Amino acid sequence: MSVEILFLVLLFIVAFLYASVGHGGASGYLALMALFSMSPAVMRPTALLLNLFVSLSAFILFYRSGHFKWKIFLPFALASIPCSFLGGMIEMDAAIYKKLLGILLLIPVGRMLMSTNGDEQTKNIPDVKLSLLIGAIIGFLSGLIGIGGGIILSPVLLLLSWTTQKQTAAISALFIFVNSVSGLAGQFSQGIELQPDMFAYVGVAFAGGSAGAWMGSAKLDHRALKYLLSIVLTVASLKLLLT
């Protein structure tokens, strides 16, 4: 199997796994591209572009299942969108980018290993001011690194007991989409160009994401999948931090 085909197969799997829990998968795509030694100049726009299609398909399916909450989503999005654009305009040093990405990749690992399979009831009423602050911070990091921000927003929502597991997946999916659009726009404003291979990546990621979102919006046991994905992210994080 050639390196290119292996990458596409793994890309399909990553998109499937992330979409099944309502995520666009940018952290997984970045981890995969890091393992294949792609440059940050290619990694950032590619991850956000893939995010657009996978997160949108995930949102539609979770929304149709009745899990989305506009009142919780809007404050986060209103603050994150302009900050994501600003983050996308900043061009980072490659070495610093890899170290920061390596640290951020450990967040979804903790999220997946610590989460439960139950769909707990919400305990607290969301605070608008706190939502705006959190949204602004996550948005800036999203544009800066090339992620949608769902890997950070999801554990925050669950820790604050503002949403259930399914509601978190639905809100994160649309949050990832709008941040990816904004962050990509910020990068385009600095003159980046999409590589020809990206369109093939989009097709494969969309197929995997659509299948994963369909499975995730129904009943799917994610335990084994989460452990497998956690191992991949950990290996990629160590590669970025130690090389």
Protein backbone atom coordinates (compact mmCIF):
# COMPACT_ATOMS: atom_id res chain seq x y z
CA MET A 1 0.00 0.00 0.00
CA SER A 2 1.43 3.38 -1.01
CA VAL A 3 1.91 6.18 1.49
CA GLU A 4 -0.80 8.27 -0.22
CA ILE A 5 -3.40 5.48 -0.08
CA LEU A 6 -2.52 4.73 3.55
CA PHE A 7 -3.03 8.40 4.41
CA LEU A 8 -6.47 8.44 2.72
CA VAL A 9 -7.58 5.27 4.52
CA LEU A 10 -6.53 6.69 7.88
CA LEU A 11 -8.17 10.02 7.01
CA PHE A 12 -11.50 8.22 6.41
CA ILE A 13 -11.22 6.47 9.77
CA VAL A 14 -10.36 9.67 11.66
CA ALA A 15 -13.28 11.55 10.06
CA PHE A 16 -15.64 8.70 10.94
CA LEU A 17 -14.53 8.57 14.58
CA TYR A 18 -14.71 12.32 15.15
CA ALA A 19 -18.04 12.87 13.39
CA SER A 20 -19.57 10.06 15.43
CA VAL A 21 -19.18 12.28 18.52
CA GLY A 22 -20.10 15.54 16.77
CA HIS A 23 -16.59 16.82 16.02
CA GLY A 24 -15.12 18.06 12.75
CA GLY A 25 -11.89 16.20 13.39
CA ALA A 26 -9.26 18.94 12.91
CA SER A 27 -7.15 17.72 15.83
CA GLY A 28 -7.21 14.23 14.32
CA TYR A 29 -6.35 15.50 10.84
CA LEU A 30 -3.51 17.57 12.26
CA ALA A 31 -2.22 14.57 14.21
CA LEU A 32 -2.38 12.43 11.08
CA MET A 33 -0.59 15.05 8.96
CA ALA A 34 2.03 15.42 11.69
CA LEU A 35 2.68 11.67 11.60
CA PHE A 36 3.14 11.95 7.82
CA SER A 37 5.53 14.91 8.32
CA MET A 38 3.52 17.55 6.45
CA SER A 39 4.45 21.21 6.93
CA PRO A 40 2.40 23.63 9.11
CA ALA A 41 1.71 25.73 5.99
CA VAL A 42 -0.22 22.77 4.57
CA MET A 43 -1.62 21.45 7.86
CA ARG A 44 -3.54 24.56 9.04
CA PRO A 45 -5.69 25.28 5.96
CA THR A 46 -6.18 21.58 5.17
CA ALA A 47 -7.51 20.79 8.65
CA LEU A 48 -9.95 23.71 8.58
CA LEU A 49 -11.15 22.86 5.07
CA LEU A 50 -11.83 19.26 6.06
CA ASN A 51 -13.57 20.51 9.19
CA LEU A 52 -16.13 22.43 7.13
CA PHE A 53 -17.62 19.39 5.45
CA VAL A 54 -17.38 16.89 8.30
CA SER A 55 -18.71 19.17 11.03
CA LEU A 56 -21.61 20.37 8.87
CA SER A 57 -22.75 16.82 8.14
CA ALA A 58 -22.45 15.97 11.84
CA PHE A 59 -24.47 19.05 12.84
CA ILE A 60 -27.30 18.29 10.42
CA LEU A 61 -27.77 14.77 11.73
CA PHE A 62 -27.51 15.71 15.41
CA TYR A 63 -29.85 18.67 14.81
CA ARG A 64 -32.45 16.43 13.19
CA SER A 65 -32.26 14.20 16.26
CA GLY A 66 -33.38 17.18 18.37
CA HIS A 67 -30.22 17.72 20.42
CA PHE A 68 -29.25 21.27 19.37
CA LYS A 69 -29.75 24.30 21.69
CA TRP A 70 -29.56 27.73 20.01
CA LYS A 71 -29.54 29.68 23.30
CA ILE A 72 -26.39 27.92 24.46
CA PHE A 73 -24.65 28.03 21.08
CA LEU A 74 -25.11 31.70 20.12
CA PRO A 75 -23.00 33.44 22.84
CA PHE A 76 -20.06 31.13 22.17
CA ALA A 77 -20.30 31.64 18.41
CA LEU A 78 -20.74 35.43 18.50
CA ALA A 79 -17.49 35.83 20.46
CA SER A 80 -15.50 33.10 18.73
CA ILE A 81 -16.09 33.99 15.06
CA PRO A 82 -14.19 37.35 15.00
CA CYS A 83 -11.46 35.97 17.28
CA SER A 84 -11.01 32.94 15.04
CA PHE A 85 -10.53 35.26 12.07
CA LEU A 86 -7.84 37.20 13.97
CA GLY A 87 -6.09 33.98 14.96
CA GLY A 88 -6.13 32.78 11.36
CA MET A 89 -4.34 35.96 10.25
CA ILE A 90 -1.32 35.22 12.45
CA GLU A 91 1.52 33.27 10.87
CA MET A 92 3.34 31.23 13.51
CA ASP A 93 6.91 29.97 13.61
CA ALA A 94 6.88 26.29 12.58
CA ALA A 95 8.69 25.09 15.71
CA ILE A 96 6.38 26.99 18.08
CA TYR A 97 3.33 25.83 16.12
CA LYS A 98 4.28 22.17 16.46
CA LYS A 99 4.90 22.45 20.22
CA LEU A 100 1.60 24.25 20.83
CA LEU A 101 -0.27 21.76 18.67
CA GLY A 102 1.38 18.88 20.52
CA ILE A 103 0.04 20.24 23.81
CA LEU A 104 -3.45 20.89 22.46
CA LEU A 105 -3.70 17.37 21.04
CA LEU A 106 -3.62 16.05 24.61
CA ILE A 107 -6.90 17.85 25.41
CA PRO A 108 -9.11 15.53 23.33
CA VAL A 109 -7.22 12.55 24.76
CA GLY A 110 -8.21 13.57 28.28
CA ARG A 111 -11.72 14.36 27.10
CA MET A 112 -12.21 10.94 25.52
CA LEU A 113 -10.67 8.94 28.36
CA MET A 114 -12.56 10.78 31.11
CA SER A 115 -15.99 11.02 29.49
CA THR A 116 -18.78 8.65 30.37
CA ASN A 117 -21.18 6.87 28.07
CA GLY A 118 -24.28 8.05 29.85
CA ASP A 119 -26.32 11.04 28.74
CA GLU A 120 -26.44 12.91 32.04
CA GLN A 121 -28.95 15.60 32.87
CA THR A 122 -27.85 19.23 32.88
CA LYS A 123 -27.38 20.72 36.35
CA ASN A 124 -26.57 24.40 35.80
CA ILE A 125 -28.00 27.33 33.83
CA PRO A 126 -25.54 28.71 31.20
CA ASP A 127 -24.01 32.13 31.97
CA VAL A 128 -23.94 34.44 28.93
CA LYS A 129 -20.93 36.55 30.01
CA LEU A 130 -18.86 33.47 30.78
CA SER A 131 -19.93 31.95 27.46
CA LEU A 132 -18.73 35.03 25.58
CA LEU A 133 -15.33 34.94 27.33
CA ILE A 134 -14.84 31.24 26.72
CA GLY A 135 -15.96 31.60 23.10
CA ALA A 136 -13.46 34.40 22.45
CA ILE A 137 -10.53 32.41 23.87
CA ILE A 138 -11.41 29.21 22.04
CA GLY A 139 -12.05 31.12 18.82
CA PHE A 140 -8.62 32.74 18.83
CA LEU A 141 -6.87 29.42 19.48
CA SER A 142 -8.96 27.79 16.76
CA GLY A 143 -7.82 30.23 14.08
CA LEU A 144 -4.25 30.24 15.32
CA ILE A 145 -3.78 26.46 15.33
CA GLY A 146 -6.16 25.43 12.55
CA ILE A 147 -8.85 23.65 14.58
CA GLY A 148 -12.57 24.23 14.97
CA GLY A 149 -12.45 24.45 18.75
CA GLY A 150 -14.79 21.58 19.51
CA ILE A 151 -12.10 19.64 21.36
CA ILE A 152 -11.90 22.52 23.85
CA LEU A 153 -15.58 23.52 23.97
CA SER A 154 -16.92 20.01 24.56
CA PRO A 155 -15.17 19.32 27.89
CA VAL A 156 -15.99 22.87 29.05
CA LEU A 157 -19.72 22.36 28.43
CA LEU A 158 -19.71 19.02 30.20
CA LEU A 159 -17.63 20.20 33.16
CA LEU A 160 -19.99 23.16 33.66
CA SER A 161 -22.97 20.77 33.39
CA TRP A 162 -24.64 23.03 30.83
CA THR A 163 -25.38 20.30 28.28
CA THR A 164 -25.83 16.54 27.97
CA GLN A 165 -23.50 14.39 25.85
CA LYS A 166 -25.75 14.55 22.77
CA GLN A 167 -26.40 18.29 23.17
CA THR A 168 -22.66 18.86 23.48
CA ALA A 169 -22.04 16.98 20.24
CA ALA A 170 -24.68 19.00 18.38
CA ILE A 171 -23.48 22.39 19.66
CA SER A 172 -19.81 21.54 19.10
CA ALA A 173 -20.47 20.49 15.51
CA LEU A 174 -21.89 23.87 14.46
CA PHE A 175 -19.34 25.73 16.62
CA ILE A 176 -16.57 23.92 14.74
CA PHE A 177 -18.13 24.80 11.39
CA VAL A 178 -18.43 28.56 11.99
CA ASN A 179 -14.94 28.78 13.51
CA SER A 180 -13.45 26.84 10.62
CA VAL A 181 -15.05 29.23 8.12
CA SER A 182 -13.77 32.25 10.05
CA GLY A 183 -10.28 30.86 10.63
CA LEU A 184 -9.92 29.83 7.00
CA ALA A 185 -11.04 33.31 5.90
CA GLY A 186 -8.34 34.80 8.11
CA GLN A 187 -5.73 32.57 6.51
CA PHE A 188 -6.93 33.42 3.00
CA SER A 189 -6.58 37.11 3.84
CA GLN A 190 -2.85 36.44 4.26
CA GLY A 191 -2.53 34.91 0.80
CA ILE A 192 -2.50 31.15 1.43
CA GLU A 193 -3.31 28.76 -1.42
CA LEU A 194 -5.05 25.39 -1.35
CA GLN A 195 -3.04 22.43 -2.63
CA PRO A 196 -4.53 20.17 -5.39
CA ASP A 197 -4.47 17.12 -3.08
CA MET A 198 -6.81 18.88 -0.63
CA PHE A 199 -9.86 18.22 -2.80
CA ALA A 200 -9.26 14.46 -2.67
CA TYR A 201 -8.85 14.77 1.10
CA VAL A 202 -12.20 16.59 1.31
CA GLY A 203 -14.01 13.81 -0.56
CA VAL A 204 -12.58 11.08 1.66
CA ALA A 205 -13.17 13.02 4.90
CA PHE A 206 -16.74 13.90 3.90
CA ALA A 207 -17.52 10.24 3.21
CA GLY A 208 -16.05 9.13 6.53
CA GLY A 209 -17.65 12.00 8.41
CA SER A 210 -21.11 11.39 6.96
CA ALA A 211 -20.97 7.72 7.92
CA GLY A 212 -19.69 8.53 11.41
CA ALA A 213 -22.30 11.24 12.03
CA TRP A 214 -25.08 8.89 10.97
CA MET A 215 -23.82 6.22 13.37
CA GLY A 216 -23.16 8.67 16.19
CA SER A 217 -26.54 10.38 16.04
CA ALA A 218 -28.10 6.95 16.61
CA LYS A 219 -26.90 4.48 19.25
CA LEU A 220 -23.22 3.65 19.02
CA ASP A 221 -20.82 2.38 21.68
CA HIS A 222 -17.81 4.68 21.41
CA ARG A 223 -15.58 3.16 24.10
CA ALA A 224 -13.25 1.07 21.93
CA LEU A 225 -13.15 3.74 19.22
CA LYS A 226 -12.23 6.45 21.74
CA TYR A 227 -9.35 4.41 23.15
CA LEU A 228 -7.97 3.75 19.67
CA LEU A 229 -8.23 7.42 18.71
CA SER A 230 -6.62 8.45 22.01
CA ILE A 231 -3.57 6.32 21.19
CA VAL A 232 -3.21 7.94 17.75
CA LEU A 233 -3.46 11.46 19.20
CA THR A 234 -0.96 10.67 21.96
CA VAL A 235 1.60 9.31 19.50
CA ALA A 236 1.21 12.37 17.28
CA SER A 237 1.49 14.70 20.28
CA LEU A 238 4.72 13.05 21.44
CA LYS A 239 6.12 13.23 17.90
CA LEU A 240 5.43 16.99 17.75
CA LEU A 241 6.79 17.69 21.24
CA LEU A 242 9.93 15.56 21.03
CA THR A 243 11.12 16.20 17.46
